[in-house]
Amino acid sequence: MDYSSLANELGLTEDEVKEMGLHLDDIFQENSSSGTPSGAYYFNVPDGTPDRILGKKGWSLGERVKINSNVFDVSNK
């Protein structure tokens, strides 16, 4: 997974993802109700996200945003 794939998934440019202060270690794998990893991923919108990006995406600071697990599938590249 790289910033290009993440930016494409989010409908943002790579520069916008970097402006948000979103780092790969800020992305987490969701757990199922039994506590095992579910394969789905998410991040919480960082506090430093510029207002123009919040408006563009309709996000709020701290909001949980799900990410398609295919972004992390390096086997199809």
PDB file of N, CA and C in Angstrom:
ATOM      1  N   MET A   1       0.856  -1.182   0.000  1.00  0.00           N
ATOM      2  CA  MET A   1       0.000   0.000   0.000  1.00  0.00           C
ATOM      3  C   MET A   1       0.890   1.230   0.000  1.00  0.00           C
ATOM      4  N   ASP A   2       0.502   2.185  -0.800  1.00  0.00           N
ATOM      5  CA  ASP A   2       1.257   3.426  -0.848  1.00  0.00           C
ATOM      6  C   ASP A   2       0.293   4.616  -0.824  1.00  0.00           C
ATOM      7  N   TYR A   3       0.862   5.804  -0.750  1.00  0.00           N
ATOM      8  CA  TYR A   3       0.030   7.003  -0.689  1.00  0.00           C
ATOM      9  C   TYR A   3      -0.807   7.172  -1.951  1.00  0.00           C
ATOM     10  N   SER A   4      -0.284   6.753  -3.084  1.00  0.00           N
ATOM     11  CA  SER A   4      -1.028   6.883  -4.337  1.00  0.00           C
ATOM     12  C   SER A   4      -2.311   6.059  -4.292  1.00  0.00           C
ATOM     13  N   SER A   5      -2.201   4.811  -3.851  1.00  0.00           N
ATOM     14  CA  SER A   5      -3.379   3.937  -3.741  1.00  0.00           C
ATOM     15  C   SER A   5      -4.376   4.485  -2.732  1.00  0.00           C
ATOM     16  N   LEU A   6      -3.867   4.954  -1.601  1.00  0.00           N
ATOM     17  CA  LEU A   6      -4.733   5.503  -0.563  1.00  0.00           C
ATOM     18  C   LEU A   6      -5.438   6.761  -1.063  1.00  0.00           C
ATOM     19  N   ALA A   7      -4.693   7.645  -1.708  1.00  0.00           N
ATOM     20  CA  ALA A   7      -5.277   8.877  -2.236  1.00  0.00           C
ATOM     21  C   ALA A   7      -6.373   8.558  -3.247  1.00  0.00           C
ATOM     22  N   ASN A   8      -6.102   7.610  -4.125  1.00  0.00           N
ATOM     23  CA  ASN A   8      -7.091   7.208  -5.128  1.00  0.00           C
ATOM     24  C   ASN A   8      -8.355   6.674  -4.457  1.00  0.00           C
ATOM     25  N   GLU A   9      -8.195   5.837  -3.446  1.00  0.00           N
ATOM     26  CA  GLU A   9      -9.339   5.272  -2.716  1.00  0.00           C
ATOM     27  C   GLU A   9     -10.176   6.367  -2.059  1.00  0.00           C
ATOM     28  N   LEU A  10      -9.496   7.380  -1.532  1.00  0.00           N
ATOM     29  CA  LEU A  10     -10.185   8.445  -0.802  1.00  0.00           C
ATOM     30  C   LEU A  10     -10.706   9.559  -1.711  1.00  0.00           C
ATOM     31  N   GLY A  11     -10.321   9.535  -2.979  1.00  0.00           N
ATOM     32  CA  GLY A  11     -10.739  10.604  -3.888  1.00  0.00           C
ATOM     33  C   GLY A  11     -10.007  11.898  -3.607  1.00  0.00           C
ATOM     34  N   LEU A  12      -8.757  11.770  -3.178  1.00  0.00           N
ATOM     35  CA  LEU A  12      -7.911  12.918  -2.879  1.00  0.00           C
ATOM     36  C   LEU A  12      -6.610  12.801  -3.669  1.00  0.00           C
ATOM     37  N   THR A  13      -5.850  13.877  -3.699  1.00  0.00           N
ATOM     38  CA  THR A  13      -4.514  13.798  -4.285  1.00  0.00           C
ATOM     39  C   THR A  13      -3.553  13.310  -3.201  1.00  0.00           C
ATOM     40  N   GLU A  14      -2.374  12.851  -3.635  1.00  0.00           N
ATOM     41  CA  GLU A  14      -1.362  12.439  -2.661  1.00  0.00           C
ATOM     42  C   GLU A  14      -0.993  13.615  -1.758  1.00  0.00           C
ATOM     43  N   ASP A  15      -0.899  14.806  -2.337  1.00  0.00           N
ATOM     44  CA  ASP A  15      -0.564  16.000  -1.545  1.00  0.00           C
ATOM     45  C   ASP A  15      -1.625  16.268  -0.480  1.00  0.00           C
ATOM     46  N   GLU A  16      -2.897  16.077  -0.826  1.00  0.00           N
ATOM     47  CA  GLU A  16      -3.965  16.297   0.148  1.00  0.00           C
ATOM     48  C   GLU A  16      -3.879  15.290   1.293  1.00  0.00           C
ATOM     49  N   VAL A  17      -3.568  14.034   0.969  1.00  0.00           N
ATOM     50  CA  VAL A  17      -3.415  13.020   2.022  1.00  0.00           C
ATOM     51  C   VAL A  17      -2.278  13.433   2.959  1.00  0.00           C
ATOM     52  N   LYS A  18      -1.197  13.914   2.394  1.00  0.00           N
ATOM     53  CA  LYS A  18      -0.055  14.348   3.214  1.00  0.00           C
ATOM     54  C   LYS A  18      -0.412  15.595   4.022  1.00  0.00           C
ATOM     55  N   GLU A  19      -1.172  16.523   3.413  1.00  0.00           N
ATOM     56  CA  GLU A  19      -1.608  17.734   4.130  1.00  0.00           C
ATOM     57  C   GLU A  19      -2.455  17.393   5.351  1.00  0.00           C
ATOM     58  N   MET A  20      -3.223  16.320   5.245  1.00  0.00           N
ATOM     59  CA  MET A  20      -4.069  15.891   6.363  1.00  0.00           C
ATOM     60  C   MET A  20      -3.230  15.435   7.557  1.00  0.00           C
ATOM     61  N   GLY A  21      -1.983  15.075   7.273  1.00  0.00           N
ATOM     62  CA  GLY A  21      -1.151  14.518   8.327  1.00  0.00           C
ATOM     63  C   GLY A  21      -1.458  13.043   8.555  1.00  0.00           C
ATOM     64  N   LEU A  22      -2.081  12.409   7.566  1.00  0.00           N
ATOM     65  CA  LEU A  22      -2.435  10.998   7.667  1.00  0.00           C
ATOM     66  C   LEU A  22      -1.229  10.158   7.293  1.00  0.00           C
ATOM     67  N   HIS A  23      -0.826   9.300   8.196  1.00  0.00           N
ATOM     68  CA  HIS A  23       0.310   8.413   7.987  1.00  0.00           C
ATOM     69  C   HIS A  23      -0.185   6.974   7.975  1.00  0.00           C
ATOM     70  N   LEU A  24       0.568   6.118   7.358  1.00  0.00           N
ATOM     71  CA  LEU A  24       0.162   4.719   7.250  1.00  0.00           C
ATOM     72  C   LEU A  24      -0.032   4.069   8.614  1.00  0.00           C
ATOM     73  N   ASP A  25       0.716   4.531   9.628  1.00  0.00           N
ATOM     74  CA  ASP A  25       0.542   3.962  10.967  1.00  0.00           C
ATOM     75  C   ASP A  25      -0.698   4.492  11.685  1.00  0.00           C
ATOM     76  N   ASP A  26      -1.446   5.399  11.034  1.00  0.00           N
ATOM     77  CA  ASP A  26      -2.717   5.891  11.572  1.00  0.00           C
ATOM     78  C   ASP A  26      -3.902   5.078  11.059  1.00  0.00           C
ATOM     79  N   ILE A  27      -3.608   4.085  10.233  1.00  0.00           N
ATOM     80  CA  ILE A  27      -4.647   3.244   9.638  1.00  0.00           C
ATOM     81  C   ILE A  27      -4.690   1.923  10.391  1.00  0.00           C
ATOM     82  N   PHE A  28      -5.884   1.536  10.792  1.00  0.00           N
ATOM     83  CA  PHE A  28      -6.061   0.359  11.643  1.00  0.00           C
ATOM     84  C   PHE A  28      -6.946  -0.666  10.967  1.00  0.00           C
ATOM     85  N   GLN A  29      -6.751  -1.911  11.352  1.00  0.00           N
ATOM     86  CA  GLN A  29      -7.603  -2.981  10.856  1.00  0.00           C
ATOM     87  C   GLN A  29      -8.723  -3.191  11.866  1.00  0.00           C
ATOM     88  N   GLU A  30      -9.959  -3.228  11.357  1.00  0.00           N
ATOM     89  CA  GLU A  30     -11.105  -3.451  12.239  1.00  0.00           C
ATOM     90  C   GLU A  30     -11.089  -4.891  12.740  1.00  0.00           C
ATOM     91  N   ASN A  31     -11.635  -5.073  13.917  1.00  0.00           N
ATOM     92  CA  ASN A  31     -11.788  -6.410  14.478  1.00  0.00           C
ATOM     93  C   ASN A  31     -13.246  -6.829  14.410  1.00  0.00           C
ATOM     94  N   SER A  32     -13.451  -8.116  14.219  1.00  0.00           N
ATOM     95  CA  SER A  32     -14.813  -8.650  14.238  1.00  0.00           C
ATOM     96  C   SER A  32     -15.314  -8.680  15.671  1.00  0.00           C
ATOM     97  N   SER A  33     -16.551  -9.061  15.855  1.00  0.00           N
ATOM     98  CA  SER A  33     -17.120  -9.118  17.202  1.00  0.00           C
ATOM     99  C   SER A  33     -16.386 -10.121  18.087  1.00  0.00           C
ATOM    100  N   SER A  34     -15.703 -11.093  17.474  1.00  0.00           N
ATOM    101  CA  SER A  34     -14.944 -12.074  18.263  1.00  0.00           C
ATOM    102  C   SER A  34     -13.538 -11.575  18.583  1.00  0.00           C
ATOM    103  N   GLY A  35     -13.174 -10.388  18.047  1.00  0.00           N
ATOM    104  CA  GLY A  35     -11.873  -9.810  18.343  1.00  0.00           C
ATOM    105  C   GLY A  35     -10.801 -10.142  17.319  1.00  0.00           C
ATOM    106  N   THR A  36     -11.128 -10.913  16.304  1.00  0.00           N
ATOM    107  CA  THR A  36     -10.147 -11.240  15.271  1.00  0.00           C
ATOM    108  C   THR A  36     -10.216 -10.200  14.156  1.00  0.00           C
ATOM    109  N   PRO A  37      -9.095  -9.959  13.476  1.00  0.00           N
ATOM    110  CA  PRO A  37      -9.104  -8.980  12.392  1.00  0.00           C
ATOM    111  C   PRO A  37     -10.134  -9.344  11.320  1.00  0.00           C
ATOM    112  N   SER A  38     -10.874  -8.340  10.853  1.00  0.00           N
ATOM    113  CA  SER A  38     -11.966  -8.588   9.897  1.00  0.00           C
ATOM    114  C   SER A  38     -11.555  -8.397   8.454  1.00  0.00           C
ATOM    115  N   GLY A  39     -10.419  -7.767   8.202  1.00  0.00           N
ATOM    116  CA  GLY A  39     -10.004  -7.478   6.830  1.00  0.00           C
ATOM    117  C   GLY A  39     -10.376  -6.078   6.393  1.00  0.00           C
ATOM    118  N   ALA A  40     -11.245  -5.396   7.127  1.00  0.00           N
ATOM    119  CA  ALA A  40     -11.607  -4.013   6.816  1.00  0.00           C
ATOM    120  C   ALA A  40     -10.649  -3.071   7.548  1.00  0.00           C
ATOM    121  N   TYR A  41     -10.437  -1.906   6.975  1.00  0.00           N
ATOM    122  CA  TYR A  41      -9.522  -0.927   7.559  1.00  0.00           C
ATOM    123  C   TYR A  41     -10.237   0.408   7.758  1.00  0.00           C
ATOM    124  N   TYR A  42      -9.665   1.246   8.620  1.00  0.00           N
ATOM    125  CA  TYR A  42     -10.228   2.566   8.867  1.00  0.00           C
ATOM    126  C   TYR A  42      -9.151   3.498   9.417  1.00  0.00           C
ATOM    127  N   PHE A  43      -9.464   4.789   9.391  1.00  0.00           N
ATOM    128  CA  PHE A  43      -8.664   5.796  10.092  1.00  0.00           C
ATOM    129  C   PHE A  43      -9.628   6.821  10.648  1.00  0.00           C
ATOM    130  N   ASN A  44      -9.172   7.568  11.624  1.00  0.00           N
ATOM    131  CA  ASN A  44      -9.940   8.688  12.163  1.00  0.00           C
ATOM    132  C   ASN A  44      -9.357   9.962  11.560  1.00  0.00           C
ATOM    133  N   VAL A  45     -10.218  10.822  11.043  1.00  0.00           N
ATOM    134  CA  VAL A  45      -9.763  12.039  10.382  1.00  0.00           C
ATOM    135  C   VAL A  45      -8.894  12.835  11.370  1.00  0.00           C
ATOM    136  N   PRO A  46      -7.623  13.078  10.990  1.00  0.00           N
ATOM    137  CA  PRO A  46      -6.694  13.772  11.882  1.00  0.00           C
ATOM    138  C   PRO A  46      -7.117  15.204  12.208  1.00  0.00           C
ATOM    139  N   ASP A  47      -6.754  15.646  13.403  1.00  0.00           N
ATOM    140  CA  ASP A  47      -7.091  17.001  13.857  1.00  0.00           C
ATOM    141  C   ASP A  47      -6.522  18.089  12.951  1.00  0.00           C
ATOM    142  N   GLY A  48      -5.411  17.820  12.279  1.00  0.00           N
ATOM    143  CA  GLY A  48      -4.781  18.830  11.439  1.00  0.00           C
ATOM    144  C   GLY A  48      -5.302  18.888  10.017  1.00  0.00           C
ATOM    145  N   THR A  49      -6.372  18.173   9.722  1.00  0.00           N
ATOM    146  CA  THR A  49      -6.913  18.152   8.360  1.00  0.00           C
ATOM    147  C   THR A  49      -7.448  19.535   7.985  1.00  0.00           C
ATOM    148  N   PRO A  50      -6.973  20.100   6.859  1.00  0.00           N
ATOM    149  CA  PRO A  50      -7.435  21.430   6.452  1.00  0.00           C
ATOM    150  C   PRO A  50      -8.944  21.462   6.184  1.00  0.00           C
ATOM    151  N   ASP A  51      -9.549  22.615   6.471  1.00  0.00           N
ATOM    152  CA  ASP A  51     -10.994  22.786   6.281  1.00  0.00           C
ATOM    153  C   ASP A  51     -11.429  22.503   4.846  1.00  0.00           C
ATOM    154  N   ARG A  52     -10.616  22.864   3.862  1.00  0.00           N
ATOM    155  CA  ARG A  52     -11.013  22.642   2.474  1.00  0.00           C
ATOM    156  C   ARG A  52     -11.121  21.154   2.151  1.00  0.00           C
ATOM    157  N   ILE A  53     -10.289  20.314   2.779  1.00  0.00           N
ATOM    158  CA  ILE A  53     -10.388  18.872   2.571  1.00  0.00           C
ATOM    159  C   ILE A  53     -11.599  18.323   3.316  1.00  0.00           C
ATOM    160  N   LEU A  54     -11.843  18.826   4.518  1.00  0.00           N
ATOM    161  CA  LEU A  54     -13.037  18.413   5.267  1.00  0.00           C
ATOM    162  C   LEU A  54     -14.291  18.714   4.456  1.00  0.00           C
ATOM    163  N   GLY A  55     -14.344  19.913   3.877  1.00  0.00           N
ATOM    164  CA  GLY A  55     -15.501  20.310   3.076  1.00  0.00           C
ATOM    165  C   GLY A  55     -15.632  19.484   1.806  1.00  0.00           C
ATOM    166  N   LYS A  56     -14.510  19.225   1.170  1.00  0.00           N
ATOM    167  CA  LYS A  56     -14.510  18.442  -0.074  1.00  0.00           C
ATOM    168  C   LYS A  56     -15.066  17.045   0.155  1.00  0.00           C
ATOM    169  N   LYS A  57     -14.715  16.437   1.293  1.00  0.00           N
ATOM    170  CA  LYS A  57     -15.115  15.066   1.587  1.00  0.00           C
ATOM    171  C   LYS A  57     -16.352  14.979   2.477  1.00  0.00           C
ATOM    172  N   GLY A  58     -16.731  16.085   3.112  1.00  0.00           N
ATOM    173  CA  GLY A  58     -17.873  16.048   4.026  1.00  0.00           C
ATOM    174  C   GLY A  58     -17.538  15.365   5.343  1.00  0.00           C
ATOM    175  N   TRP A  59     -16.260  15.365   5.695  1.00  0.00           N
ATOM    176  CA  TRP A  59     -15.795  14.732   6.928  1.00  0.00           C
ATOM    177  C   TRP A  59     -15.783  15.719   8.079  1.00  0.00           C
ATOM    178  N   SER A  60     -15.759  15.183   9.288  1.00  0.00           N
ATOM    179  CA  SER A  60     -15.549  15.956  10.515  1.00  0.00           C
ATOM    180  C   SER A  60     -14.274  15.451  11.166  1.00  0.00           C
ATOM    181  N   LEU A  61     -13.623  16.316  11.921  1.00  0.00           N
ATOM    182  CA  LEU A  61     -12.423  15.896  12.650  1.00  0.00           C
ATOM    183  C   LEU A  61     -12.760  14.729  13.565  1.00  0.00           C
ATOM    184  N   GLY A  62     -11.914  13.717  13.551  1.00  0.00           N
ATOM    185  CA  GLY A  62     -12.110  12.550  14.398  1.00  0.00           C
ATOM    186  C   GLY A  62     -13.063  11.511  13.839  1.00  0.00           C
ATOM    187  N   GLU A  63     -13.735  11.835  12.737  1.00  0.00           N
ATOM    188  CA  GLU A  63     -14.682  10.893  12.132  1.00  0.00           C
ATOM    189  C   GLU A  63     -13.951   9.642  11.653  1.00  0.00           C
ATOM    190  N   ARG A  64     -14.579   8.509  11.826  1.00  0.00           N
ATOM    191  CA  ARG A  64     -14.015   7.235  11.354  1.00  0.00           C
ATOM    192  C   ARG A  64     -14.352   7.068   9.881  1.00  0.00           C
ATOM    193  N   VAL A  65     -13.310   6.812   9.078  1.00  0.00           N
ATOM    194  CA  VAL A  65     -13.467   6.624   7.640  1.00  0.00           C
ATOM    195  C   VAL A  65     -12.989   5.225   7.291  1.00  0.00           C
ATOM    196  N   LYS A  66     -13.863   4.446   6.671  1.00  0.00           N
ATOM    197  CA  LYS A  66     -13.501   3.088   6.269  1.00  0.00           C
ATOM    198  C   LYS A  66     -12.737   3.118   4.952  1.00  0.00           C
ATOM    199  N   ILE A  67     -11.828   2.172   4.812  1.00  0.00           N
ATOM    200  CA  ILE A  67     -11.009   2.047   3.614  1.00  0.00           C
ATOM    201  C   ILE A  67     -11.188   0.638   3.061  1.00  0.00           C
ATOM    202  N   ASN A  68     -11.373   0.533   1.778  1.00  0.00           N
ATOM    203  CA  ASN A  68     -11.499  -0.754   1.120  1.00  0.00           C
ATOM    204  C   ASN A  68     -10.229  -1.569   1.355  1.00  0.00           C
ATOM    205  N   SER A  69     -10.374  -2.804   1.754  1.00  0.00           N
ATOM    206  CA  SER A  69      -9.213  -3.647   2.045  1.00  0.00           C
ATOM    207  C   SER A  69      -8.376  -3.928   0.808  1.00  0.00           C
ATOM    208  N   ASN A  70      -8.939  -3.747  -0.391  1.00  0.00           N
ATOM    209  CA  ASN A  70      -8.172  -3.961  -1.621  1.00  0.00           C
ATOM    210  C   ASN A  70      -6.991  -3.002  -1.737  1.00  0.00           C
ATOM    211  N   VAL A  71      -7.074  -1.851  -1.082  1.00  0.00           N
ATOM    212  CA  VAL A  71      -5.973  -0.885  -1.099  1.00  0.00           C
ATOM    213  C   VAL A  71      -4.723  -1.513  -0.491  1.00  0.00           C
ATOM    214  N   PHE A  72      -4.911  -2.439   0.413  1.00  0.00           N
ATOM    215  CA  PHE A  72      -3.795  -3.052   1.123  1.00  0.00           C
ATOM    216  C   PHE A  72      -3.365  -4.371   0.516  1.00  0.00           C
ATOM    217  N   ASP A  73      -4.042  -4.814  -0.535  1.00  0.00           N
ATOM    218  CA  ASP A  73      -3.736  -6.088  -1.175  1.00  0.00           C
ATOM    219  C   ASP A  73      -2.635  -5.893  -2.200  1.00  0.00           C
ATOM    220  N   VAL A  74      -1.401  -6.164  -1.794  1.00  0.00           N
ATOM    221  CA  VAL A  74      -0.264  -5.961  -2.697  1.00  0.00           C
ATOM    222  C   VAL A  74      -0.116  -7.112  -3.681  1.00  0.00           C
ATOM    223  N   SER A  75      -0.832  -8.200  -3.517  1.00  0.00           N
ATOM    224  CA  SER A  75      -0.707  -9.343  -4.408  1.00  0.00           C
ATOM    225  C   SER A  75      -1.280  -9.083  -5.793  1.00  0.00           C
ATOM    226  N   ASN A  76      -2.173  -8.071  -5.903  1.00  0.00           N
ATOM    227  CA  ASN A  76      -2.774  -7.808  -7.217  1.00  0.00           C
ATOM    228  C   ASN A  76      -2.049  -6.702  -7.976  1.00  0.00           C
ATOM    229  N   LYS A  77      -0.877  -6.332  -7.548  1.00  0.00           N
ATOM    230  CA  LYS A  77      -0.119  -5.253  -8.206  1.00  0.00           C
ATOM    231  C   LYS A  77       1.020  -5.803  -9.013  1.00  0.00           C
TER     232      LYS A  77
END
